[in-house]
Protein backbone atom coordinates (compact mmCIF):
# COMPACT_ATOMS: atom_id res chain seq x y z
CA UNK A 1 -0.22 0.00 -0.20
CA UNK A 2 1.46 3.42 -1.00
CA UNK A 3 0.04 6.44 -0.29
CA UNK A 4 0.63 10.44 -0.11
CA UNK A 5 -0.41 13.61 1.49
CA UNK A 6 1.54 16.51 -0.09
CA UNK A 7 1.36 19.70 1.59
CA UNK A 8 2.33 23.02 -0.99
CA UNK A 9 2.23 26.61 0.10
CA UNK A 10 0.44 25.83 3.72
CA UNK A 11 -2.19 23.44 1.63
CA UNK A 12 -2.85 19.90 1.90
CA UNK A 13 -3.47 18.64 -1.52
CA UNK A 14 -3.77 15.39 -3.01
CA UNK A 15 -2.68 15.25 -6.97
CA UNK A 16 -4.96 18.22 -8.36
CA UNK A 17 -7.03 18.44 -5.42
CA UNK A 18 -6.81 20.83 -2.40
CA UNK A 19 -8.43 19.50 0.58
CA UNK A 20 -7.77 22.30 2.69
CA UNK A 21 -6.27 25.15 3.41
CA UNK A 22 -3.63 24.89 6.65
CA UNK A 23 -0.07 25.02 7.92
CA UNK A 24 2.30 22.29 7.60
CA UNK A 25 1.84 19.51 10.10
CA UNK A 26 4.22 19.74 12.97
CA UNK A 27 5.51 16.62 12.26
CA UNK A 28 7.28 17.81 9.50
CA UNK A 29 10.20 20.14 11.19
CA UNK A 30 13.52 21.80 9.48
CA UNK A 31 13.75 20.44 6.09
CA UNK A 32 12.14 17.02 6.29
CA UNK A 33 10.91 14.42 9.13
CA UNK A 34 10.58 10.49 9.69
CA UNK A 35 7.58 9.97 11.93
CA UNK A 36 5.62 7.27 13.16
CA UNK A 37 1.84 6.66 12.41
CA UNK A 38 -0.77 3.63 11.99
CA UNK A 39 1.12 2.71 8.88
CA UNK A 40 4.51 0.11 8.82
CA UNK A 41 6.67 2.94 7.19
CA UNK A 42 6.70 6.78 6.97
CA UNK A 43 9.56 7.71 4.63
CA UNK A 44 9.89 11.38 3.63
CA UNK A 45 12.30 11.97 0.36
CA UNK A 46 11.03 15.08 -0.78
CA UNK A 47 12.55 17.49 1.87
CA UNK A 48 9.36 20.05 3.28
CA UNK A 49 7.10 19.37 0.66
CA UNK A 50 5.81 15.65 1.53
CA UNK A 51 4.51 12.67 3.21
CA UNK A 52 4.81 9.22 1.64
CA UNK A 53 3.68 6.48 3.40
CA UNK A 54 4.64 2.50 1.85
CA UNK A 55 4.62 -0.61 3.53
CA UNK A 56 8.26 -1.22 3.04
CA UNK A 57 7.40 -5.17 3.53
CA UNK A 58 4.91 -4.90 0.31
CA UNK A 59 6.43 -2.62 -1.61
CA UNK A 60 8.74 -4.09 -5.03
CA UNK A 61 12.49 -3.32 -4.45
CA UNK A 62 12.70 -3.12 -8.14
CA UNK A 63 10.30 -1.06 -9.98
CA UNK A 64 10.23 1.81 -12.97
CA UNK A 65 11.94 4.22 -10.47
CA UNK A 66 14.88 1.77 -9.02
CA UNK A 67 15.29 1.18 -13.16
CA UNK A 68 15.47 4.96 -13.86
CA UNK A 69 17.96 5.60 -10.86
CA UNK A 70 20.47 2.74 -12.08
CA UNK A 71 20.46 4.30 -15.17
CA UNK A 72 21.05 7.75 -14.29
CA UNK A 73 24.22 6.52 -11.96
CA UNK A 74 25.30 4.78 -15.31
CA UNK A 75 24.99 7.90 -17.40
CA UNK A 76 27.39 9.27 -14.75
CA UNK A 77 29.84 6.83 -14.98
CA UNK A 78 29.84 7.74 -18.64
CA UNK A 79 30.09 11.20 -18.60
CA UNK A 80 32.48 11.39 -15.80
CA UNK A 81 34.15 8.66 -16.91
CA UNK A 82 34.51 10.21 -20.56
CA UNK A 83 36.20 13.22 -19.19
CA UNK A 84 38.25 11.46 -17.36
CA UNK A 85 39.55 9.33 -20.19
CA UNK A 86 40.53 12.31 -22.10
CA UNK A 87 42.44 13.47 -19.51
CA UNK A 88 44.12 9.98 -18.84
CA UNK A 89 44.49 9.46 -22.39
CA UNK A 90 46.52 12.71 -23.21
CA UNK A 91 48.46 12.62 -20.00
CA UNK A 92 49.71 8.74 -21.37
CA UNK A 93 50.72 10.24 -24.71
CA UNK A 94 52.69 12.57 -23.12
CA UNK A 95 53.96 10.18 -20.76
CA UNK A 96 55.47 7.53 -23.49
CA UNK A 97 57.06 10.15 -25.75
CA UNK A 98 56.08 8.41 -28.99
CA UNK A 99 53.69 10.89 -30.81
CA UNK A 100 50.57 9.21 -31.93
CA UNK A 101 48.15 12.44 -33.45
CA UNK A 102 45.68 9.94 -35.35
CA UNK A 103 45.44 7.64 -32.59
CA UNK A 104 45.22 10.15 -29.84
CA UNK A 105 42.24 11.79 -32.01
CA UNK A 106 40.28 8.07 -32.59
CA UNK A 107 40.35 8.07 -28.51
CA UNK A 108 39.48 11.34 -28.21
CA UNK A 109 36.24 10.95 -30.34
CA UNK A 110 35.21 7.74 -29.13
CA UNK A 111 35.21 8.97 -25.33
CA UNK A 112 33.13 12.31 -26.35
CA UNK A 113 30.91 9.77 -28.31
CA UNK A 114 30.16 7.64 -25.08
CA UNK A 115 30.07 11.11 -23.14
CA UNK A 116 27.27 12.22 -25.59
CA UNK A 117 25.31 9.26 -24.77
CA UNK A 118 25.81 9.32 -21.22
CA UNK A 119 24.30 13.01 -21.58
CA UNK A 120 20.99 11.65 -23.48
CA UNK A 121 20.72 8.79 -21.28
CA UNK A 122 20.87 10.87 -17.97
CA UNK A 123 18.12 12.97 -19.49
CA UNK A 124 15.92 9.85 -20.25
CA UNK A 125 16.42 8.74 -16.78
CA UNK A 126 15.33 11.85 -15.24
CA UNK A 127 11.93 11.75 -17.58
CA UNK A 128 11.49 8.11 -15.82
CA UNK A 129 12.83 9.27 -12.28
CA UNK A 130 9.75 12.00 -12.33
CA UNK A 131 7.35 9.92 -13.75
CA UNK A 132 8.19 7.48 -10.76
CA UNK A 133 7.97 10.24 -8.55
CA UNK A 134 4.44 11.66 -9.83
CA UNK A 135 3.02 7.95 -9.52
CA UNK A 136 4.19 7.45 -6.10
CA UNK A 137 1.70 10.48 -4.97
CA UNK A 138 -1.32 8.65 -6.94
CA UNK A 139 -4.29 6.75 -5.32
CA UNK A 140 -4.02 3.17 -6.71
CA UNK A 141 -6.90 4.02 -9.78
CA UNK A 142 -6.20 7.58 -10.25
CA UNK A 143 -5.74 8.83 -13.64
CA UNK A 144 -2.23 10.21 -14.38
CA UNK A 145 -2.86 13.57 -16.11
CA UNK A 146 0.06 16.46 -17.01
CA UNK A 147 -1.37 18.55 -14.17
CA UNK A 148 0.19 15.92 -11.68
CA UNK A 149 3.71 16.01 -13.53
CA UNK A 150 3.23 20.16 -13.05
CA UNK A 151 2.46 20.13 -9.36
CA UNK A 152 5.74 17.77 -8.60
CA UNK A 153 8.09 20.19 -11.04
CA UNK A 154 6.84 23.37 -10.30
CA UNK A 155 5.20 22.79 -6.78
CA UNK A 156 7.86 21.05 -4.80
CA UNK A 157 11.31 21.25 -3.36
CA UNK A 158 12.16 18.29 -5.03
CA UNK A 159 10.62 19.40 -8.67
CA UNK A 160 12.69 22.16 -8.58
CA UNK A 161 15.77 20.54 -7.84
CA UNK A 162 15.07 17.68 -10.23
CA UNK A 163 15.45 20.87 -12.67
CA UNK A 164 18.31 21.69 -11.49
CA UNK A 165 19.75 17.79 -12.47
CA UNK A 166 18.01 18.40 -16.01
CA UNK A 167 19.96 21.50 -16.48
CA UNK A 168 23.42 19.96 -15.69
CA UNK A 169 22.41 16.97 -17.99
CA UNK A 170 21.29 19.44 -20.78
CA UNK A 171 24.66 21.41 -20.32
CA UNK A 172 26.92 18.04 -20.57
CA UNK A 173 24.53 17.06 -23.56
CA UNK A 174 25.82 20.91 -25.37
CA UNK A 175 28.97 20.30 -24.39
CA UNK A 176 30.01 16.90 -25.62
CA UNK A 177 27.81 17.57 -28.86
CA UNK A 178 30.43 20.97 -29.42
CA UNK A 179 33.65 19.28 -28.53
CA UNK A 180 32.88 16.42 -30.63
CA UNK A 181 32.64 18.96 -33.49
CA UNK A 182 35.65 20.68 -32.28
CA UNK A 183 33.64 23.80 -31.78
CA UNK A 184 35.80 26.15 -29.40
CA UNK A 185 34.54 26.14 -25.50
CA UNK A 186 32.74 22.42 -26.31
CA UNK A 187 35.33 20.57 -23.92
CA UNK A 188 35.07 23.05 -20.84
CA UNK A 189 31.16 23.20 -21.04
CA UNK A 190 31.30 18.88 -21.45
CA UNK A 191 33.45 18.91 -17.87
CA UNK A 192 31.22 21.48 -16.47
CA UNK A 193 27.77 19.66 -16.62
CA UNK A 194 29.64 16.05 -16.46
CA UNK A 195 30.97 17.12 -12.80
CA UNK A 196 27.70 18.77 -12.64
CA UNK A 197 25.48 15.89 -13.17
CA UNK A 198 27.15 14.22 -10.38
CA UNK A 199 27.34 17.00 -7.89
CA UNK A 200 23.33 17.90 -8.13
CA UNK A 201 22.59 14.10 -8.09
CA UNK A 202 22.07 14.12 -3.97
CA UNK A 203 19.70 17.26 -4.10
CA UNK A 204 16.95 14.73 -4.58
CA UNK A 205 18.20 12.00 -1.73
CA UNK A 206 18.57 11.05 1.66
CA UNK A 207 21.60 13.69 2.24
CA UNK A 208 18.89 16.61 3.06
CA UNK A 209 16.76 14.69 5.04
CA UNK A 210 19.85 13.11 7.12
CA UNK A 211 20.03 14.01 11.23
CA UNK A 212 23.33 15.86 10.27
CA UNK A 213 23.36 19.20 8.81
CA UNK A 214 22.75 19.18 4.88
CA UNK A 215 25.58 21.74 4.42
CA UNK A 216 27.61 18.53 5.71
CA UNK A 217 26.12 15.75 4.41
CA UNK A 218 25.18 17.52 1.06
CA UNK A 219 29.07 17.95 -0.10
CA UNK A 220 29.63 14.12 1.09
CA UNK A 221 27.35 12.59 -0.57
CA UNK A 222 28.48 14.62 -3.95
CA UNK A 223 32.13 13.71 -3.36
CA UNK A 224 30.98 9.73 -2.73
CA UNK A 225 29.25 9.92 -6.34
CA UNK A 226 31.88 11.83 -7.95
CA UNK A 227 34.64 9.78 -6.95
CA UNK A 228 32.81 6.60 -7.74
CA UNK A 229 31.87 7.94 -10.83
CA UNK A 230 35.41 8.61 -11.55
CA UNK A 231 37.19 5.57 -10.77
CA UNK A 232 34.38 3.03 -12.28
CA UNK A 233 33.06 5.44 -15.33
CA UNK A 234 36.96 5.92 -16.14
CA UNK A 235 37.49 2.12 -16.28
CA UNK A 236 34.17 1.52 -18.36
CA UNK A 237 35.47 3.93 -20.65
CA UNK A 238 38.92 2.57 -21.17
CA UNK A 239 37.20 -1.40 -21.57
CA UNK A 240 34.78 0.50 -24.07
CA UNK A 241 36.88 2.24 -26.60
CA UNK A 242 40.11 0.53 -25.83
CA UNK A 243 38.83 -2.45 -25.87
CA UNK A 244 35.70 -2.14 -27.81
CA UNK A 245 34.46 -2.77 -31.62
CA UNK A 246 36.81 -1.00 -34.14
CA UNK A 247 40.00 -0.59 -31.84
CA UNK A 248 42.94 -2.07 -33.48
CA UNK A 249 44.69 -4.81 -32.20
CA UNK A 250 47.94 -3.85 -32.79
CA UNK A 251 46.99 -0.40 -31.16
CA UNK A 252 46.15 -1.37 -28.55
CA UNK A 253 48.77 -3.57 -27.24
CA UNK A 254 50.97 -0.34 -28.20
CA UNK A 255 49.12 1.94 -25.95
CA UNK A 256 47.20 0.04 -23.06
CA UNK A 257 50.51 -0.32 -20.86
CA UNK A 258 50.91 3.68 -20.83
CA UNK A 259 47.15 4.10 -20.53
CA UNK A 260 46.75 1.57 -17.47
CA UNK A 261 49.54 3.93 -16.03
CA UNK A 262 48.23 6.85 -15.70
CA UNK A 263 44.80 5.12 -14.84
CA UNK A 264 45.79 3.61 -11.92
CA UNK A 265 46.10 5.85 -9.34
CA UNK A 266 43.16 7.72 -10.65
CA UNK A 267 41.28 4.68 -9.77
CA UNK A 268 43.26 4.01 -6.41
CA UNK A 269 42.00 8.40 -5.42
CA UNK A 270 38.53 7.45 -6.74
CA UNK A 271 38.30 3.87 -4.54
CA UNK A 272 39.57 5.78 -1.33
CA UNK A 273 37.11 8.46 -1.79
CA UNK A 274 34.23 6.54 -2.65
CA UNK A 275 34.99 4.51 0.62
CA UNK A 276 35.58 7.34 2.99
CA UNK A 277 32.56 9.44 2.07
CA UNK A 278 30.68 6.59 2.04
CA UNK A 279 31.46 5.21 5.04
CA UNK A 280 31.03 8.67 6.98
CA UNK A 281 27.44 8.84 5.52
CA UNK A 282 26.49 5.64 6.81
CA UNK A 283 27.08 6.62 10.13
CA UNK A 284 24.86 9.74 9.44
CA UNK A 285 21.81 7.67 7.84
CA UNK A 286 22.01 4.26 9.84
CA UNK A 287 22.86 5.83 12.99
CA UNK A 288 23.84 2.28 15.16
CA UNK A 289 25.41 -1.18 14.50
CA UNK A 290 21.87 -2.76 14.85
CA UNK A 291 20.31 -0.34 12.06
CA UNK A 292 22.31 -2.34 10.18
CA UNK A 293 20.62 -5.58 10.66
CA UNK A 294 17.69 -4.63 11.75
CA UNK A 295 16.26 -2.31 8.98
CA UNK A 296 15.66 -2.89 5.21
CA UNK A 297 18.10 0.23 4.35
CA UNK A 298 20.68 -1.54 6.95
CA UNK A 299 20.45 -5.17 5.01
CA UNK A 300 20.34 -3.30 2.05
CA UNK A 301 23.62 -1.34 2.47
CA UNK A 302 25.69 -4.62 3.85
CA UNK A 303 24.56 -5.72 0.59
CA UNK A 304 26.26 -2.73 -1.41
CA UNK A 305 29.42 -2.96 0.89
CA UNK A 306 29.95 -6.42 -0.26
CA UNK A 307 29.76 -5.58 -3.83
CA UNK A 308 32.04 -2.67 -2.94
CA UNK A 309 34.45 -4.79 -1.33
CA UNK A 310 34.38 -7.40 -4.18
CA UNK A 311 34.73 -5.00 -6.92
CA UNK A 312 37.73 -3.20 -5.20
CA UNK A 313 39.50 -6.64 -4.64
CA UNK A 314 38.97 -7.15 -8.06
CA UNK A 315 40.75 -3.87 -9.00
CA UNK A 316 43.53 -4.75 -6.43
CA UNK A 317 44.13 -8.15 -8.57
CA UNK A 318 44.34 -6.08 -11.87
CA UNK A 319 46.71 -3.53 -10.27
CA UNK A 320 48.72 -6.47 -8.54
CA UNK A 321 48.91 -8.90 -10.34
CA UNK A 322 47.93 -8.44 -14.07
CA UNK A 323 49.35 -4.76 -14.65
CA UNK A 324 53.09 -5.59 -13.88
CA UNK A 325 52.47 -7.98 -17.11
CA UNK A 326 51.48 -5.48 -19.59
CA UNK A 327 53.59 -5.94 -22.72
CA UNK A 328 54.19 -9.39 -22.87
CA UNK A 329 51.71 -11.70 -25.17
CA UNK A 330 47.96 -11.84 -24.24
CA UNK A 331 48.70 -9.44 -21.34
CA UNK A 332 46.14 -6.93 -22.65
CA UNK A 333 43.63 -9.46 -23.01
CA UNK A 334 43.58 -10.88 -19.88
CA UNK A 335 42.84 -7.31 -18.39
CA UNK A 336 40.36 -6.72 -20.29
CA UNK A 337 38.32 -10.01 -19.33
CA UNK A 338 39.57 -9.00 -15.53
CA UNK A 339 38.22 -5.53 -16.31
CA UNK A 340 34.83 -6.72 -17.59
CA UNK A 341 33.82 -9.04 -14.30
CA UNK A 342 34.92 -5.92 -12.10
CA UNK A 343 32.69 -3.64 -14.29
CA UNK A 344 29.79 -6.37 -14.02
CA UNK A 345 30.09 -6.11 -9.95
CA UNK A 346 29.98 -2.38 -10.83
CA UNK A 347 26.88 -2.69 -11.93
CA UNK A 348 25.42 -4.59 -9.32
CA UNK A 349 26.63 -2.38 -6.95
CA UNK A 350 24.87 0.33 -8.97
CA UNK A 351 21.55 -1.91 -8.77
CA UNK A 352 22.30 -2.35 -4.78
CA UNK A 353 22.73 2.04 -5.15
CA UNK A 354 19.43 2.13 -6.32
CA UNK A 355 17.53 0.39 -4.54
CA UNK A 356 19.06 2.21 -1.46
CA UNK A 357 18.30 5.52 -1.92
CA UNK A 358 14.38 4.79 -2.58
CA UNK A 359 14.75 3.53 1.35
CA UNK A 360 13.77 5.04 4.49
CA UNK A 361 17.07 5.39 6.33
CA UNK A 362 16.69 4.58 9.90
CA UNK A 363 18.53 7.80 11.10
CA UNK A 364 17.12 10.88 9.64
């Protein structure tokens, strides 16, 4: 069962229907609140604009909203990964001392293409998240109308912040499109837009409703997303571009060692940032050890931590065992297979994250 009461500008409304004019309920304090009422779970994920009442045991773990969030994370990985991959290739070719303008340009065009694909995917996923948010406010059987979308987008805090995210996605799309055409200024716009999509993502998540002040949790969450996207996104672009369709085998063997040499420290910084920021945020959101196994949020968080650890271990294996062998026959192929496995576990990690952010955190 899922019901919703929305408080907009002091009026208690259902989608499209104002029931009464009254001040916001005393249960809602600060930017958001969680309260106990005669329902199994109450979670507020639209700060200062809504109550969302949901039966945690009957709600599906995977729905349209989960898919939209997963695609959002994948899109950010592609955009941030494209930007990072461009920096890695420039650095690698300078370090090698072997000029290869043609190969570097080929890598650059391929990276920008995936960045543009990521920006379009981000905008489509944003539309999916909006649809899921609107549906969450409807009673079963209520028709879905354009007015419902307008109410969520223009009359709620969630909608205002969603528009900021869409603006970031549009900026990234324009930047990547211009950069692919070689237009002046396209690259910096793409970089700024890609970073903005990662930094603004927490605006519609737990960071604004945490027990700690948002000025602490919001930057931590933004850095967590950006660090993870830098790590897994750059690895994804290496696999897609360097080992992707159309990549010449001779070219690949000639440059992969130089690329990995530059990528490895970038990945280590990304892993460290994601782990440190994620650990601090977990303390804020869960609040106690018991919350890890006594709540759905905590149990899902444990799954995410396990997948993160497995992904990091695969990365360490690639770094310690496979990287030193690069340059020998077949070494690049073995690294590619291991990197694909690391990305597969990373994709499952994103699924766990997409489920996690929709669950009520115990300590908000």
